[in-house]
């Protein structure tokens, strides 16, 4: 047994014993049995007899730094509110109630979806080191008051998979993953410089959790901007941990093959490789349901309904978009007509949609993403990207 797994299991036993003692004293509830315990994730079912309410009482848990709420049907809408509060494992102080963003994420395509192994979920929330949680989920009145089946809270601890990446090199490198799916098209020379990108090894991606090779589309016609929601209260040296936690949430909690986004950017403007397959290849992602084919997704870490885009963030997103679109000779300031590949709540399957080459997630899918502030900055990003392409 590796040392870090031994420490994790020993800590889990101590926490569980402590929780039982506290429960005996009437101070908290005992730790509920986990629905399942995949690597890095602890899942706790949200039971209840009221079809419109589910709750998890305040309790001690094994360590975690990110959480979310998932449910069984990958296409079902939660239709209400999901609120959480957590206990800081360093100070012991409980946070106030925080509402999770009910962005029903893109159902992953493939065998797992057909077999029922994919789950819908909220956007995950980065909490920082925590050891306690309380949850309440409430349905809206009316036809959506009934909550979907199989609700559970997902507690993600990125430290159980790999040590925190405290240093990393941002280099224009591609992944070493081997693809056996559709052959990627040969790209033309870009008119914009290739950005520096931290490879997957820089955030310690556990490649053993990726079950299938990447799938490629024909080219990259649109770059969709996203935000990861959650919190802006992180330091940039925590970015690898946050990305690894998002990866675990997408793969272990929601049953996806890999992290959904092709690129991620932190608030300091560092660009990270997301989904495996090669940053210079048209890798099929899971980021804008209905428009995943021939597009790429760039997600900024943070909630940009609250945060204001810094210049490094604008430059980073523009740099990725200019280079990626330029690989196929597309003007970053232009538009394109795409057909929706599925009924996604905003468009019907086959509907023709005119999109900017650099668009926001909300342009293709019914969501607040990428946040009002980042969305308002897309015109600036297009201008920066176009300038980069023209030199």
Protein backbone atom coordinates (compact mmCIF):
# COMPACT_ATOMS: atom_id res chain seq x y z
CA UNK A 1 0.00 0.00 0.00
CA UNK A 2 1.34 3.41 -0.93
CA UNK A 3 1.98 5.87 1.95
CA UNK A 4 -0.64 8.43 0.88
CA UNK A 5 -3.38 5.77 0.60
CA UNK A 6 -2.42 4.43 4.03
CA UNK A 7 -2.69 7.93 5.51
CA UNK A 8 -6.05 8.47 3.79
CA UNK A 9 -7.53 5.21 5.12
CA UNK A 10 -6.13 5.78 8.59
CA UNK A 11 -7.57 9.32 8.60
CA UNK A 12 -10.93 8.03 7.38
CA UNK A 13 -11.07 5.53 10.28
CA UNK A 14 -10.22 8.24 12.80
CA UNK A 15 -12.79 10.64 11.36
CA UNK A 16 -15.47 7.95 11.35
CA UNK A 17 -14.73 7.01 14.97
CA UNK A 18 -14.79 10.65 16.01
CA UNK A 19 -18.11 11.20 14.23
CA UNK A 20 -19.69 8.27 16.08
CA UNK A 21 -18.48 9.68 19.40
CA UNK A 22 -19.87 13.13 18.59
CA UNK A 23 -23.16 11.58 17.51
CA UNK A 24 -23.42 9.82 20.85
CA UNK A 25 -23.03 13.19 22.54
CA UNK A 26 -25.72 14.65 20.29
CA UNK A 27 -23.31 17.03 18.55
CA UNK A 28 -23.56 15.73 15.01
CA UNK A 29 -24.87 12.89 12.90
CA UNK A 30 -22.78 9.78 12.23
CA UNK A 31 -21.17 9.39 8.85
CA UNK A 32 -23.64 7.75 6.45
CA UNK A 33 -22.45 4.75 4.43
CA UNK A 34 -21.15 5.86 1.07
CA UNK A 35 -23.14 4.86 -2.00
CA UNK A 36 -19.80 3.98 -3.58
CA UNK A 37 -16.20 4.90 -2.98
CA UNK A 38 -14.28 5.34 -6.24
CA UNK A 39 -10.75 6.71 -6.21
CA UNK A 40 -10.74 10.26 -4.85
CA UNK A 41 -14.53 10.52 -4.47
CA UNK A 42 -16.90 9.72 -1.60
CA UNK A 43 -20.57 9.54 -2.61
CA UNK A 44 -23.32 9.88 0.01
CA UNK A 45 -26.93 9.21 -0.96
CA UNK A 46 -29.55 11.85 -0.19
CA UNK A 47 -32.52 9.86 1.09
CA UNK A 48 -35.97 11.08 2.08
CA UNK A 49 -39.68 10.37 1.74
CA UNK A 50 -40.67 13.85 0.48
CA UNK A 51 -40.40 13.83 -3.34
CA UNK A 52 -39.61 17.56 -3.34
CA UNK A 53 -37.00 17.68 -0.57
CA UNK A 54 -33.77 15.93 0.29
CA UNK A 55 -31.31 16.75 3.04
CA UNK A 56 -28.10 15.58 4.65
CA UNK A 57 -27.62 16.68 8.25
CA UNK A 58 -24.35 18.27 9.38
CA UNK A 59 -21.73 15.60 9.79
CA UNK A 60 -18.03 14.86 9.84
CA UNK A 61 -16.54 13.31 6.71
CA UNK A 62 -13.30 12.11 5.24
CA UNK A 63 -11.22 14.99 3.80
CA UNK A 64 -12.43 16.68 0.60
CA UNK A 65 -11.83 19.93 -1.27
CA UNK A 66 -14.62 19.96 -3.87
CA UNK A 67 -18.22 18.83 -3.88
CA UNK A 68 -21.27 18.63 -6.12
CA UNK A 69 -24.70 17.00 -6.27
CA UNK A 70 -25.50 14.41 -8.95
CA UNK A 71 -28.59 12.41 -9.93
CA UNK A 72 -29.26 9.28 -11.93
CA UNK A 73 -30.85 10.53 -15.18
CA UNK A 74 -28.20 12.40 -17.22
CA UNK A 75 -30.90 14.35 -19.09
CA UNK A 76 -33.16 15.19 -16.14
CA UNK A 77 -33.45 18.70 -14.72
CA UNK A 78 -33.13 19.21 -10.98
CA UNK A 79 -35.64 22.06 -11.05
CA UNK A 80 -35.04 23.69 -7.68
CA UNK A 81 -32.13 24.60 -5.45
CA UNK A 82 -29.16 22.66 -4.09
CA UNK A 83 -27.42 24.32 -1.13
CA UNK A 84 -24.41 23.20 0.86
CA UNK A 85 -22.34 24.31 3.82
CA UNK A 86 -18.95 22.87 4.70
CA UNK A 87 -16.54 22.79 7.62
CA UNK A 88 -12.98 24.05 7.18
CA UNK A 89 -10.64 21.23 8.23
CA UNK A 90 -8.03 23.72 9.47
CA UNK A 91 -10.13 26.20 11.46
CA UNK A 92 -13.13 23.98 12.22
CA UNK A 93 -15.43 26.84 11.17
CA UNK A 94 -18.58 26.09 9.17
CA UNK A 95 -19.26 28.18 6.07
CA UNK A 96 -22.56 29.85 5.33
CA UNK A 97 -25.01 28.21 2.96
CA UNK A 98 -23.86 28.30 -0.66
CA UNK A 99 -26.04 27.54 -3.66
CA UNK A 100 -24.69 25.23 -6.34
CA UNK A 101 -25.11 26.21 -9.97
CA UNK A 102 -27.73 23.92 -11.50
CA UNK A 103 -26.04 23.69 -14.84
CA UNK A 104 -27.16 20.28 -16.12
CA UNK A 105 -23.88 19.31 -17.68
CA UNK A 106 -23.45 17.80 -21.10
CA UNK A 107 -24.34 14.10 -21.19
CA UNK A 108 -21.25 12.24 -22.33
CA UNK A 109 -21.76 10.18 -25.47
CA UNK A 110 -20.82 6.56 -25.88
CA UNK A 111 -21.36 3.17 -24.30
CA UNK A 112 -21.52 4.50 -20.74
CA UNK A 113 -24.51 6.68 -21.62
CA UNK A 114 -26.39 3.79 -23.21
CA UNK A 115 -25.61 1.54 -20.25
CA UNK A 116 -26.92 4.07 -17.75
CA UNK A 117 -23.54 4.82 -16.24
CA UNK A 118 -23.64 8.58 -16.79
CA UNK A 119 -25.15 10.99 -14.25
CA UNK A 120 -26.29 14.60 -14.44
CA UNK A 121 -24.99 17.03 -11.86
CA UNK A 122 -24.53 20.53 -10.60
CA UNK A 123 -21.39 22.46 -11.27
CA UNK A 124 -18.82 21.35 -8.67
CA UNK A 125 -17.84 23.80 -5.92
CA UNK A 126 -14.24 24.18 -4.76
CA UNK A 127 -14.35 24.43 -0.96
CA UNK A 128 -10.70 24.07 -0.02
CA UNK A 129 -9.66 21.48 2.61
CA UNK A 130 -12.85 20.43 4.41
CA UNK A 131 -14.00 17.65 6.73
CA UNK A 132 -17.70 18.30 7.27
CA UNK A 133 -20.77 18.82 5.10
CA UNK A 134 -24.48 19.63 5.25
CA UNK A 135 -26.81 19.57 2.23
CA UNK A 136 -30.38 20.59 1.44
CA UNK A 137 -32.06 20.15 -1.95
CA UNK A 138 -35.52 21.56 -2.65
CA UNK A 139 -37.67 21.28 -5.76
CA UNK A 140 -39.63 24.18 -7.22
CA UNK A 141 -43.40 24.37 -6.95
CA UNK A 142 -45.41 23.07 -9.88
CA UNK A 143 -44.50 20.41 -12.37
CA UNK A 144 -40.80 20.44 -11.47
CA UNK A 145 -41.34 20.09 -7.72
CA UNK A 146 -40.50 16.38 -7.81
CA UNK A 147 -36.75 15.91 -7.56
CA UNK A 148 -34.96 13.42 -9.84
CA UNK A 149 -34.12 9.97 -8.52
CA UNK A 150 -30.74 8.89 -7.23
CA UNK A 151 -29.64 12.18 -5.65
CA UNK A 152 -26.31 12.08 -3.86
CA UNK A 153 -23.57 14.45 -2.77
CA UNK A 154 -20.09 13.88 -4.19
CA UNK A 155 -17.11 14.72 -1.97
CA UNK A 156 -13.92 14.97 -4.04
CA UNK A 157 -10.42 14.79 -2.56
CA UNK A 158 -7.80 15.34 -5.29
CA UNK A 159 -5.01 14.52 -2.83
CA UNK A 160 -5.95 10.83 -2.77
CA UNK A 161 -5.03 10.47 -6.45
CA UNK A 162 -1.75 12.33 -6.67
CA UNK A 163 0.36 14.74 -4.69
CA UNK A 164 -0.45 18.41 -5.20
CA UNK A 165 1.38 19.85 -8.21
CA UNK A 166 3.21 22.74 -6.58
CA UNK A 167 5.27 23.53 -9.64
CA UNK A 168 4.73 22.97 -13.32
CA UNK A 169 6.08 24.09 -16.66
CA UNK A 170 3.85 25.76 -19.21
CA UNK A 171 5.13 24.44 -22.49
CA UNK A 172 3.52 24.15 -25.91
CA UNK A 173 3.29 20.36 -25.65
CA UNK A 174 0.69 17.84 -26.75
CA UNK A 175 -0.55 14.82 -24.85
CA UNK A 176 0.98 11.41 -25.47
CA UNK A 177 -2.43 9.71 -25.52
CA UNK A 178 -3.00 7.39 -28.46
CA UNK A 179 -6.23 7.73 -30.40
CA UNK A 180 -7.91 4.82 -32.12
CA UNK A 181 -11.13 6.62 -33.09
CA UNK A 182 -11.81 8.86 -36.08
CA UNK A 183 -8.58 10.10 -37.63
CA UNK A 184 -8.00 13.80 -37.06
CA UNK A 185 -7.84 16.07 -40.07
CA UNK A 186 -4.52 17.59 -41.00
CA UNK A 187 -4.47 21.21 -39.87
CA UNK A 188 -3.12 24.13 -41.84
CA UNK A 189 -0.55 26.49 -40.40
CA UNK A 190 -1.98 28.92 -37.88
CA UNK A 191 -1.61 32.65 -38.28
CA UNK A 192 -1.42 33.10 -34.50
CA UNK A 193 1.38 31.89 -32.20
CA UNK A 194 0.91 28.64 -30.33
CA UNK A 195 0.24 29.42 -26.65
CA UNK A 196 2.14 27.92 -23.76
CA UNK A 197 0.00 25.14 -22.29
CA UNK A 198 0.58 23.12 -19.12
CA UNK A 199 0.23 19.44 -20.13
CA UNK A 200 -1.98 16.95 -18.28
CA UNK A 201 1.03 15.70 -16.35
CA UNK A 202 1.30 19.23 -14.90
CA UNK A 203 -1.96 18.74 -12.97
CA UNK A 204 -1.28 15.05 -12.30
CA UNK A 205 -4.08 13.55 -14.39
CA UNK A 206 -4.58 9.90 -13.47
CA UNK A 207 -4.58 8.47 -16.98
CA UNK A 208 -5.63 5.04 -15.69
CA UNK A 209 -9.12 6.47 -15.05
CA UNK A 210 -9.62 7.35 -18.74
CA UNK A 211 -11.24 4.23 -20.13
CA UNK A 212 -11.47 5.02 -23.84
CA UNK A 213 -9.20 6.75 -26.36
CA UNK A 214 -10.17 10.23 -27.57
CA UNK A 215 -12.53 10.76 -30.49
CA UNK A 216 -11.73 13.33 -33.17
CA UNK A 217 -14.02 15.49 -35.29
CA UNK A 218 -13.13 17.21 -38.57
CA UNK A 219 -11.86 20.61 -37.45
CA UNK A 220 -12.48 23.43 -34.96
CA UNK A 221 -15.07 25.91 -36.20
CA UNK A 222 -16.07 27.53 -32.89
CA UNK A 223 -14.38 28.10 -29.54
CA UNK A 224 -16.86 28.14 -26.64
CA UNK A 225 -15.93 30.11 -23.51
CA UNK A 226 -17.00 28.65 -20.15
CA UNK A 227 -16.53 29.33 -16.48
CA UNK A 228 -16.38 26.58 -13.88
CA UNK A 229 -18.62 28.57 -11.47
CA UNK A 230 -18.08 27.71 -7.79
CA UNK A 231 -15.69 30.10 -6.13
CA UNK A 232 -13.03 32.67 -6.98
CA UNK A 233 -11.38 32.14 -3.59
CA UNK A 234 -8.37 30.13 -4.71
CA UNK A 235 -4.69 30.78 -5.26
CA UNK A 236 -3.13 30.04 -8.61
CA UNK A 237 -0.83 27.42 -7.12
CA UNK A 238 -4.03 25.51 -6.28
CA UNK A 239 -5.10 25.44 -9.94
CA UNK A 240 -3.70 21.93 -10.63
CA UNK A 241 -5.63 20.60 -7.61
CA UNK A 242 -8.85 22.25 -8.80
CA UNK A 243 -8.49 20.86 -12.32
CA UNK A 244 -7.71 17.39 -10.99
CA UNK A 245 -10.82 17.61 -8.78
CA UNK A 246 -12.99 18.65 -11.76
CA UNK A 247 -11.53 15.68 -13.67
CA UNK A 248 -12.47 13.31 -10.83
CA UNK A 249 -15.97 14.79 -10.58
CA UNK A 250 -16.55 14.40 -14.33
CA UNK A 251 -15.09 10.89 -14.52
CA UNK A 252 -15.86 9.28 -11.14
CA UNK A 253 -19.05 11.08 -10.11
CA UNK A 254 -20.70 11.67 -13.49
CA UNK A 255 -19.31 8.70 -15.40
CA UNK A 256 -17.70 10.66 -18.22
CA UNK A 257 -14.70 9.29 -20.09
CA UNK A 258 -12.48 12.31 -19.33
CA UNK A 259 -12.68 15.91 -18.20
CA UNK A 260 -15.18 17.73 -20.42
CA UNK A 261 -13.21 20.83 -21.43
CA UNK A 262 -10.36 20.81 -23.93
CA UNK A 263 -8.60 23.75 -22.19
CA UNK A 264 -8.77 25.41 -18.78
CA UNK A 265 -7.45 28.83 -17.74
CA UNK A 266 -6.90 30.07 -14.18
CA UNK A 267 -7.29 33.65 -12.98
CA UNK A 268 -3.56 34.24 -13.46
CA UNK A 269 -3.87 33.45 -17.17
CA UNK A 270 -2.15 30.05 -17.10
CA UNK A 271 -3.53 27.69 -19.77
CA UNK A 272 -3.89 23.98 -18.99
CA UNK A 273 -4.52 21.04 -21.29
CA UNK A 274 -7.90 19.48 -20.51
CA UNK A 275 -9.28 16.46 -22.35
CA UNK A 276 -6.60 14.15 -23.72
CA UNK A 277 -5.93 13.70 -27.42
CA UNK A 278 -3.61 16.53 -28.40
CA UNK A 279 -4.11 20.26 -28.03
CA UNK A 280 -3.52 20.76 -31.77
CA UNK A 281 -6.13 18.13 -32.71
CA UNK A 282 -9.95 18.52 -33.04
CA UNK A 283 -10.72 16.43 -29.94
CA UNK A 284 -14.41 15.80 -29.29
CA UNK A 285 -15.22 17.21 -25.87
CA UNK A 286 -18.26 17.22 -23.57
CA UNK A 287 -18.75 20.93 -23.01
CA UNK A 288 -21.59 22.36 -25.14
CA UNK A 289 -24.33 19.77 -25.57
CA UNK A 290 -25.68 19.92 -29.11
CA UNK A 291 -22.54 21.61 -30.44
CA UNK A 292 -19.63 19.42 -29.33
CA UNK A 293 -18.73 18.42 -32.89
CA UNK A 294 -16.12 20.65 -34.56
CA UNK A 295 -15.83 22.94 -31.52
CA UNK A 296 -13.54 23.33 -28.54
CA UNK A 297 -14.18 24.52 -24.98
CA UNK A 298 -12.03 26.86 -22.87
CA UNK A 299 -13.13 27.02 -19.22
CA UNK A 300 -11.95 29.75 -16.85
CA UNK A 301 -11.66 28.67 -13.21
CA UNK A 302 -14.03 30.79 -11.14
CA UNK A 303 -17.48 32.35 -11.07
CA UNK A 304 -17.66 35.13 -13.64
CA UNK A 305 -21.08 36.27 -12.58
CA UNK A 306 -19.09 37.69 -9.66
CA UNK A 307 -15.48 37.99 -10.81
CA UNK A 308 -14.21 40.56 -13.28
CA UNK A 309 -12.02 39.22 -16.08
CA UNK A 310 -8.38 40.16 -15.58
CA UNK A 311 -6.20 41.07 -18.55
CA UNK A 312 -4.23 37.79 -18.22
CA UNK A 313 -7.53 35.85 -18.48
CA UNK A 314 -8.63 37.82 -21.56
CA UNK A 315 -5.23 37.36 -23.20
CA UNK A 316 -5.14 33.63 -22.41
CA UNK A 317 -8.60 32.85 -23.79
CA UNK A 318 -7.95 35.01 -26.85
CA UNK A 319 -4.57 33.34 -27.41
CA UNK A 320 -6.02 29.83 -27.34
CA UNK A 321 -8.93 30.81 -29.61
CA UNK A 322 -6.75 32.66 -32.13
CA UNK A 323 -4.34 29.75 -32.46
CA UNK A 324 -6.95 26.98 -32.46
CA UNK A 325 -9.19 28.65 -35.05
CA UNK A 326 -6.17 29.70 -37.07
CA UNK A 327 -5.13 26.07 -37.45
CA UNK A 328 -8.04 25.74 -39.86
CA UNK A 329 -7.85 29.19 -41.40
CA UNK A 330 -10.83 30.69 -39.57
CA UNK A 331 -11.10 34.37 -38.66
CA UNK A 332 -11.54 34.67 -34.91
CA UNK A 333 -13.82 37.68 -35.42
CA UNK A 334 -16.09 35.87 -37.89
CA UNK A 335 -19.27 33.80 -37.67
CA UNK A 336 -20.39 30.35 -38.81
CA UNK A 337 -23.66 28.46 -39.20
CA UNK A 338 -23.86 25.12 -37.33
CA UNK A 339 -26.70 22.63 -37.00
CA UNK A 340 -27.65 21.52 -33.50
CA UNK A 341 -26.85 17.83 -33.05
CA UNK A 342 -29.50 17.30 -30.35
CA UNK A 343 -32.51 18.84 -28.65
CA UNK A 344 -30.77 20.61 -25.80
CA UNK A 345 -33.43 22.88 -24.32
CA UNK A 346 -32.36 25.89 -26.37
CA UNK A 347 -32.34 24.50 -29.91
CA UNK A 348 -33.93 21.51 -31.59
CA UNK A 349 -31.98 18.83 -33.37
CA UNK A 350 -31.05 19.96 -36.87
CA UNK A 351 -31.83 23.63 -36.23
CA UNK A 352 -29.40 25.96 -38.03
CA UNK A 353 -27.73 28.46 -35.69
CA UNK A 354 -25.42 31.36 -36.51
CA UNK A 355 -22.62 31.51 -33.95
CA UNK A 356 -19.62 33.75 -33.47
CA UNK A 357 -16.36 31.89 -33.97
CA UNK A 358 -15.72 32.77 -30.30
CA UNK A 359 -18.99 32.23 -28.45
CA UNK A 360 -20.16 31.78 -24.89
CA UNK A 361 -21.58 28.51 -23.60
CA UNK A 362 -24.98 30.21 -23.26
CA UNK A 363 -25.02 30.87 -27.00
CA UNK A 364 -25.42 27.16 -27.65
CA UNK A 365 -27.04 25.84 -24.46
CA UNK A 366 -29.53 27.13 -21.84
CA UNK A 367 -27.14 28.18 -19.06
CA UNK A 368 -25.68 31.25 -17.34
CA UNK A 369 -22.19 30.06 -18.28
CA UNK A 370 -19.69 31.70 -18.81
CA UNK A 371 -21.09 34.25 -16.35
CA UNK A 372 -22.34 37.73 -17.18
CA UNK A 373 -18.97 39.43 -16.82
CA UNK A 374 -16.96 37.03 -18.97
CA UNK A 375 -19.75 36.90 -21.53
CA UNK A 376 -19.68 40.70 -21.79
CA UNK A 377 -15.94 40.49 -22.44
CA UNK A 378 -16.25 38.18 -25.45
CA UNK A 379 -16.20 41.12 -27.85
CA UNK A 380 -12.84 42.16 -26.35
CA UNK A 381 -11.58 38.59 -26.63
CA UNK A 382 -12.60 38.45 -30.30
CA UNK A 383 -10.73 41.69 -30.97
CA UNK A 384 -7.60 40.39 -29.21
CA UNK A 385 -7.78 37.06 -31.03
CA UNK A 386 -8.25 38.69 -34.42
CA UNK A 387 -5.28 40.98 -33.76
CA UNK A 388 -3.16 37.96 -32.82
CA UNK A 389 -4.06 36.28 -36.10
CA UNK A 390 -3.11 39.31 -38.17
CA UNK A 391 0.09 39.95 -36.24
